[in-house]
Structure formats: C-alpha cells, structure tokens
Amino acid sequence: MQRFTFKIIPLLMAVFLSSNEAFSLESYNRLVDEKSPYLLQHKDNPIHWYPWGEEALEAAVRENKPIFLSIGYSTCHWCHVLEKESFEDEEVAALLNEAFICIKVDREEHPHVDQFYMNVVQAMTGSGGWPLTVVMTPEKIPVFGGTYFPRNELMRIIGAIGSAWIEQPGKIKEVGDAVRKFIEAGDRVSTQSVTLDEKLLKDLYKKSLISYDAENGGFGLAPKFPPTMKMRLLLRIAQRTGDKHAIKMVQTTLSNMARGGIYDHLGGGFHRYSTDPIWLVPHFEKMLYDQAALATVYLEAYQVTKKPIFESVARGILDYVLTDMTGPQGGFYSAEDADSEGEEGTFYVWSDAELKKNLTLKEYQLAYKFFGVTSGGNFEESGKNILHLQKENNWKANESAEVKNLKKKLLELRAKRERPFKDDKVLTAWNGLMISAMAKASQVLKDSRYLIAAQKSASFLKTQLYEKEKLARRYRAGEAKFTASLDDYAYLIQGLFDLYEADFDEQWLSWTSHLQKKQDELFWDKDRGGYFFSEAEGSLLPGRNKRFEDNARPNSNAVSALNLLKLYNFTLHKPFRKKAKTIFSLAGDMMNRTHNAFSQMFIALDFYLDRSKEVIVVGPKKSHEKESILQMLRDEFLPNKTVGYISPDAKSSFPVFENKTTAEGRTIVYVCENNVCKYPTEEIAKARELVQDNKRYPLN
C-alpha cells in the first residue's frame, strides 16, 4: 500500500469549551434502536451517537461540523477500554457533542466503511487497528486518524481539531485536499507484468523459511496469529512438489498450537492470537472466522498425515461451534469476548487454590502434571493458570478416560462462572466460511452432524438474507439488514461449492451460479478488472477499495478467483476463467514483492497452474461402489479438483455433466481437464491415479 505524508493539524492545548444550549430533539443518542450488539453497548453513552447512514451525514453538512467517526466491534478489548475511559465521561461527551457529529460504526456490519477508512488511516500513520478513530469533513474526507487514545490525549485532539475547524479552516482544507487526492487516485495496482508460473510458488516457499520458527512453529516472534492460510498453502506446495519439510513446518505449527493455551482444552475452539512465541498466553477472544479457518487447516493436515491430534482438534473446534455458536435456526454466531467480570481471560484461567478446593488429590496431581498447573501460575501477574499440554505429554494421553473425566469436571466448574459476552449476530460472509468447514468435516470425518449444520446454515441464509437475487450482510433479532460486501458473496459461494461436494444437492451449485452473476454485476471493475469491496451505489463512501492481500480472513478477490475457476469447471463458461486470470495479473507484481500477505491468492494460483481436474461420478444413488469412490476422493488430500455426482436418470443444467453416462447399475468415474476426459474407469485405484496425475515441480 502506498503511503502519503502531510502535516497533521497541530494539537492545540486550548480545549474547546462546550456551550450550555438546551437539550433538543436533535441532540440524543440514536443507538437505542439499533440491533448491533456493539452499538447497543454504547446506547447509554452521554455522546449523541448516530449510526452510519444518511441522517448523520446530512446533519454534518447542515450544521457544518466535522464528523467524529469511531469504528469497533463488540468483542474488542480496547474498544471497551475506550468506552469506559472516554465515551462514558461527561466532559469528553460535552466536547464531542458541541463540536462534532458523532458516528459509531460496527465494523462487522459495515466492513466496507471499516476497510475504506482503515486504508486511509494506515496510509496516514503507517498503522491501524481497533478501535479506529477518524475525524473527517462533512464530505467524509478524513483529516485525522488513529486507533485507541487515552482520555486526556483524546481530549487534546478533539479540542484542537474543534478549534481549528473554526479558527484555521485553511489548515483543515490543506489536510483534506491531500487525503482527497489519495482517495481519488484509487488503488495503486502495478501494471508491471509478472509471469504466472511455478517460480512464484518456489520463491514464496524460500522466503517463508526465513521467518519460520522451527522450535515453536509459526512465523516471526510475538504476537503470533495462527497462520492458517500459509499452512494451507504449504500443504499444497508439498502436494505439488513432494517436499517433506513443508509438511514438517505445518505439523510443528499445528501441534504446538494444539498443545498451547491458545487452544481451549476444555470447551474447544481457538482464541484470537498468542501474545508470546510459544502459543501459551492468548488474547482470549474467540471469532467464528478463526474457527472456520483453523478447522479447515486441521482437516487438511489430517488428510495429509492421518495424525489423530489433527482430527481431534478439528472436532474440538467444530463441536464448540455446534454447542456454543449456533443459533436455533441454524445461523452461526459471530464471536465471544475475551473479557468477563471486567477482566480479560477470567473465564478461562484457574488459580492453584481453586483447583485444590474442587478436585480430588489425584485429579489435582493430574492437572498439575498434564495441564502445566503451578502454584505461581503462568498468566501475567494474576497467579492463575492457563491450561496447556506439557510437551512430554502426547496427544494420546489427552484422549484417555482419566484426562477426559478431569476435563469434564473442570468444564462443569467453569460453566458456573460468568461467561464472556457473545455476539449473536449472523453474518453472511462468516457463515459462508463455516459452511465450508462443516461441509469439509462431514466428508473427511464421516460425521453427518457437520453436514446437517452446513445445510441448515445455508438454508437459513437463503431464506433470511437473500432477497431479489441480492444478499444482505447481517441478521439479528428477526431483522436482515445492510448491503452485502464482496466477502459476503465470495465466502458464501465458496461455502456452497464445498456443501455441494458434500451432499451433491444441485440447488447449491445453482445458487453459486446466480450469486456469481450478481457479484460480477455489483463489484467487477469493468475498466481495469478485479472486484471492488463495495457496491457502486448505496455505500455513502467517497470512493471504492479494491484489495488483493489477506488480512485476518482470506482476501475476497483471491477467494473469488478460485470460485471462478471452480465454476468454470462446471459451466465451461470461458469468461469465468478469464476473470480469474485477470485477478492474478493484477495481483502478480504484489505477490512477487510481498509474498506474506497473499497466501490465499497463491492457493488460487496453484489451482490455476496445477491442471485442476473435473471428477464426475455417475452411478446409482445408493451403491457401495459410488460411496467407495467418493470416500477415496475425500480421504486423500487432492485440493485441485472439483467433484460432481449425477445419477444415470437425472438431468442437470451444468454442461460438465453432458454425455456422462454409465451402464445400468454400474458406477463410472470420469476424470477430465478442461472438459477433455480420460477413459472412464470403475476402479478406485485407477481413479486415484488419474486424479493425481499432475507433474511435480522440485523446489530447488
């Protein structure tokens, strides 16, 4: 991302004095009628908050006031701190109410707003994060940006800007003009041509070795985020090259994460990230999208290695989601907070005294030995313990009856505590990611519970968040609302592909086709190619972003590229493949220069380069041969393929199924590339050989 520099308005020491004007109907906190859990957390603030929308923006123009924009989310620790310190403070509120139109945004409801202003703030300051704090003109052009500010510093900032708005409008205009030029310049995508070949993958692999932590797994020092997309890419590099070290990197990382405190050994699921290099002390927030990504990479690692630890962790993640993060109608909830009882991690940590009081001597000794419990603790200065597996304890012992009984008792004790806040809104994009994970798990682990969960979520999205061929972003308390962004379409299409390959219900495949058509209509850049993150109409933003790098979630242009390639395999519609290639070309120079942020794009590129296969199974709906062939395809790690099934008497609207026939009662497998099929076979071994028939490229 290109940065620009300019002088930020001097932070004048004079504080902008509030007036004593009488309260009016125009002056009140408007968040009380919102459905967002994050906005409702702020509904009692003395600040006259508006939600994002035309009313707030029109008020700024009408009153000629700068906009104070605060962006966060319900499970954000520092968002809570900022609220307690500043937004509940009467003096801060008086200053903000007098000089600004104040807008509060839930970044999970309006990701396009968050991404747009985060992009600008990162360009202004070189960093970003949440809470995101932006001061902008009534024309929505930022003139100041940052993240969390302590109360006194925030007072100085808003006082200075409030004064400058009246006394130094020229300074404001100077800064605004510089930012406006940055926005109008749009996304700075290099036009330099890069050859899209295996060399890009080789270079990425070599660069990954530099920052790899061979002892603890992962990359870099601390804080450490689970490198899910990079792990999935390494598995593909290993599959394509036969390189065993790539697999070792994945095994070391996933095993250490599974043993560490970042994994919830009692309730399942992963916390957000580790604050140390050894995966011990986490930031305790739990996000749905992390569970989806981690379940997927553990499933793929299990396919490659067949190690029980990876199967067990994948089940632990998904069972946590089924138990604690699934609504009655099938939608998956968004997140659980890190805090409870006013402190981070309280729900998850244990004092030595508490364990001695509630456990038998034998149970306590087992906890001490197995979960690393000590009298002094391992969590900051609290003296409390984060449960983790000692390195000398293998995962097999974790599955023993003795340990299971201990975990059950500890879980029952923990259930009596105050649970962290749960954000129960249903987001289309994040549900799409979890549909993928559940659908894949149903195939790899042969567990129908996960398939049912994926089907229920997809059906819920179709009935509640899809109207007039368009998706909505969020559902909560009976209300579907807000325009969907690119990631809603891309992630859901991906999820529907995976769900189709789990149950072969063609309604999911048909829906992907309709959604892709609408995505192309709403987001595709007809001039330069690639997908914008927001629609052209209705975003209320002064510009549109187009990004290609990953963040905490896979990049939606990269996910779209892979979706397009898969849809091409089923439809044989060449513009889909052409669009995917355009995305790779736009991202190619960035991928070549800064590999770290483009793992999902490399995954899609690997599919493109690897002569992906269309595997079509034709045979009776209920036959041993059909199930055996499908299970072979599901047991093995064969990522660069699409799988379709059709019974001999069925009709399909997808061209890939044309002329795929079989004799009565027989099950036949067609393995094709670009609709050119090899001789069909009934033999599982031969089908495996045909699917795996891809040239390998050594890494040296």
Foldseek 3Di string as FASTA:
>chain_A
DAADEDDAQDLDQDFDDFDPDDDDPQAAAPLCPDFAPQSVVLRPFNANEDEDDDVLLVVCVVVFAKEKEWEDHDQDPLVVVLCVQARNDPVNRRLCNRGHRYYYYYCLQQVQVVVVVQVLQCSHPVDADARKIFIGGSLQQTRDIDHDDGHVVSRSRSRSVSVCVPVPVVSSVVSSVVRVVVQVVADDFDLDFDDLDCVLVLVLVVVQVVQADLQQAAGHWPFGFQLLLVLVLLLLQCLQFVDVVSLVSSVNHLVQLLQELQAQLQQAAGAGTHGGRRNHHGQRKGFLLRLLSLLVSLLLNCLVPVDVSSVVNSCRSVVSQVVPAADPQLFGFTIFHQDDPHDGPPLAWAALVRCPVQDDPVLSVCQCQAQVDDNQEDHDRPSIHRGGGDPVDDVVVCPDPSNVVSSVSVVVVSVPDGGTDTGGKGFLLSLLSLLLSLLLCCQQVVDVVSLVSSVSNLVCQCVQAADPLAGATIDDPHDGDHHAWLSSLLSNLNSLLSSCLRPVPCVSVVNNVSSLVVQCVFFFDPPQAAGWGGGPPDSSHPHTHGDQFADSHHHSSLSQLLSLVLNCLFAVPVVSPVRSVSSCRSCVVVCSVPVSGHSSNVVSSSLVHFLAKEKEKEADPDDPLSVVLSSVVSSHNLPNYGYHYDYQPDDDPTPLCPPDHDPHHAMWMWIDGSSHTDDIDSDSVVVVCSSSPTNHDHSD
